[in-house]
Protein backbone atom coordinates (compact mmCIF):
# COMPACT_ATOMS: atom_id res chain seq x y z
CA MET A 1 105.99 115.57 130.11
CA ALA A 2 109.55 114.95 128.99
CA LYS A 3 108.75 111.93 126.70
CA ILE A 4 106.06 114.07 125.17
CA LEU A 5 108.29 117.02 124.52
CA ALA A 6 111.03 114.53 123.09
CA ASN A 7 108.38 113.08 120.91
CA ASP A 8 107.49 116.38 119.43
CA LEU A 9 111.13 117.49 118.65
CA ILE A 10 111.90 114.02 117.09
CA GLN A 11 108.77 114.69 114.70
CA VAL A 12 109.74 118.11 113.96
CA TYR A 13 113.20 116.86 113.09
CA LEU A 14 111.95 113.88 111.04
CA GLU A 15 109.33 116.27 109.07
CA ASN A 16 112.38 118.70 108.42
CA GLN A 17 114.49 115.81 107.40
CA LEU A 18 111.93 114.74 104.95
CA SER A 19 111.07 118.04 103.62
CA ASN A 20 114.74 118.51 102.98
CA LEU A 21 114.88 115.29 101.04
CA ASN A 22 112.00 116.11 99.03
CA LYS A 23 113.39 119.52 98.30
CA HIS A 24 116.54 117.94 96.80
CA ILE A 25 114.64 115.52 94.61
CA GLY A 26 112.50 118.15 93.69
CA ILE A 27 109.25 117.13 95.37
CA ALA A 28 107.18 119.57 97.62
CA ASN A 29 105.69 117.87 100.61
CA SER A 30 102.07 119.30 99.23
CA ASP A 31 102.69 117.80 95.73
CA ILE A 32 103.31 114.48 96.66
CA GLY A 33 99.29 113.51 97.05
CA LYS A 34 99.00 115.65 93.60
CA MET A 35 101.65 113.87 91.52
CA ARG A 36 100.37 112.11 88.47
CA LEU A 37 101.93 109.60 86.03
CA GLN A 38 101.06 109.08 82.54
CA TRP A 39 100.79 105.71 81.58
CA THR A 40 102.55 105.74 77.94
CA GLU A 41 102.58 102.24 76.99
CA SER A 42 99.57 100.59 75.61
CA LYS A 43 96.34 99.70 77.07
CA THR A 44 97.28 96.02 76.23
CA ALA A 45 100.37 96.23 78.01
CA LEU A 46 98.85 97.76 81.03
CA ILE A 47 96.04 95.07 81.06
CA GLU A 48 98.76 92.41 80.79
CA LEU A 49 100.76 93.92 83.77
CA ILE A 50 97.43 93.98 85.77
CA TYR A 51 96.45 90.40 85.07
CA ALA A 52 99.86 89.47 85.99
CA LEU A 53 99.73 91.38 89.07
CA GLN A 54 96.44 89.52 90.15
CA SER A 55 97.52 86.13 89.30
CA TYR A 56 100.53 86.46 91.78
CA ALA A 57 98.07 87.75 94.03
CA VAL A 58 100.00 90.75 95.21
CA PHE A 59 96.63 92.77 96.06
CA ASP A 60 94.81 91.88 99.58
CA MET A 61 96.44 88.85 99.90
CA GLY A 62 95.20 87.69 96.58
CA LYS A 63 91.62 88.47 97.31
CA ALA A 64 91.42 91.44 95.01
CA ASP A 65 89.32 90.62 92.21
CA ILE A 66 90.30 91.76 88.42
CA GLN A 67 87.77 94.23 88.05
CA ALA A 68 88.79 95.97 90.99
CA ILE A 69 92.40 95.83 90.16
CA ALA A 70 91.50 97.33 86.93
CA LYS A 71 89.43 100.04 88.01
CA TYR A 72 92.09 100.92 90.44
CA PHE A 73 94.52 101.48 87.43
CA GLU A 74 92.15 103.27 85.44
CA ASN A 75 91.76 105.81 88.29
CA VAL A 76 95.46 106.00 89.14
CA PHE A 77 96.61 106.48 85.39
CA GLU A 78 93.21 108.58 84.39
CA ILE A 79 92.58 105.86 81.38
CA ASP A 80 89.74 103.92 80.13
CA LEU A 81 90.81 100.28 79.71
CA GLY A 82 87.50 99.46 77.79
CA ASP A 83 86.87 95.85 77.69
CA PHE A 84 89.85 94.41 79.49
CA TYR A 85 88.38 91.10 79.55
CA HIS A 86 88.08 90.83 76.02
CA THR A 87 91.60 92.49 75.62
CA TYR A 88 92.97 89.56 78.07
CA LEU A 89 91.59 86.83 75.85
CA GLU A 90 93.60 88.37 72.85
CA ILE A 91 96.56 88.32 75.00
CA ARG A 92 95.81 84.62 75.79
CA ASN A 93 95.09 83.82 72.22
CA ARG A 94 98.55 85.16 71.04
CA LYS A 95 100.42 82.29 69.34
CA ILE A 96 103.77 83.77 70.05
CA ASN A 97 105.15 85.46 73.17
CA ARG A 98 101.84 85.52 75.12
CA THR A 99 103.36 87.66 77.73
CA LYS A 100 105.28 90.03 75.39
CA PHE A 101 104.95 93.38 77.78
CA LEU A 102 106.10 91.43 80.97
CA ASP A 103 109.11 89.64 79.00
CA SER A 104 110.13 93.07 78.20
CA LEU A 105 110.12 94.36 81.61
CA LYS A 106 111.96 91.54 82.69
CA ASP A 107 114.72 92.02 79.94
CA ALA A 108 114.76 95.94 80.64
CA ILE A 109 115.45 95.50 84.60
CA ILE A 110 118.12 92.75 83.73
CA ARG A 111 119.78 94.98 81.02
CA LYS A 112 119.70 98.01 83.66
CA MET A 113 121.44 95.75 86.40
CA ASP A 114 124.10 94.42 83.99
CA GLU A 115 124.74 98.16 82.99
CA GLN A 116 125.13 99.22 86.67
CA ASP A 117 127.63 96.28 87.16
CA GLU A 118 129.80 97.36 84.55
CA LYS A 119 130.30 100.53 86.33
């Protein structure tokens, strides 16, 4: 009985700590599941990212197919990617900088790290 009570007290404590943290950063517990982020880059950039993630096998131990991943991102960002297969073909056919968006992501994170190192 003591273990059950102790576990209940620990749970209440942890929930309070999480709630306090969320309040500190401005997120209510009830809002976490309702949060929506808007994709503000191009659809082509998102498709490039989706194909890169699928190529690197980051979903379902590499078993997720491109259509499932694309549909997931469409749902999350409430965006219609249209014919993402065709867009991927256009990305593949780029003569210069085939991974333009991914290269930009890499440059941005390195720049951020360098700036933080200078502080």
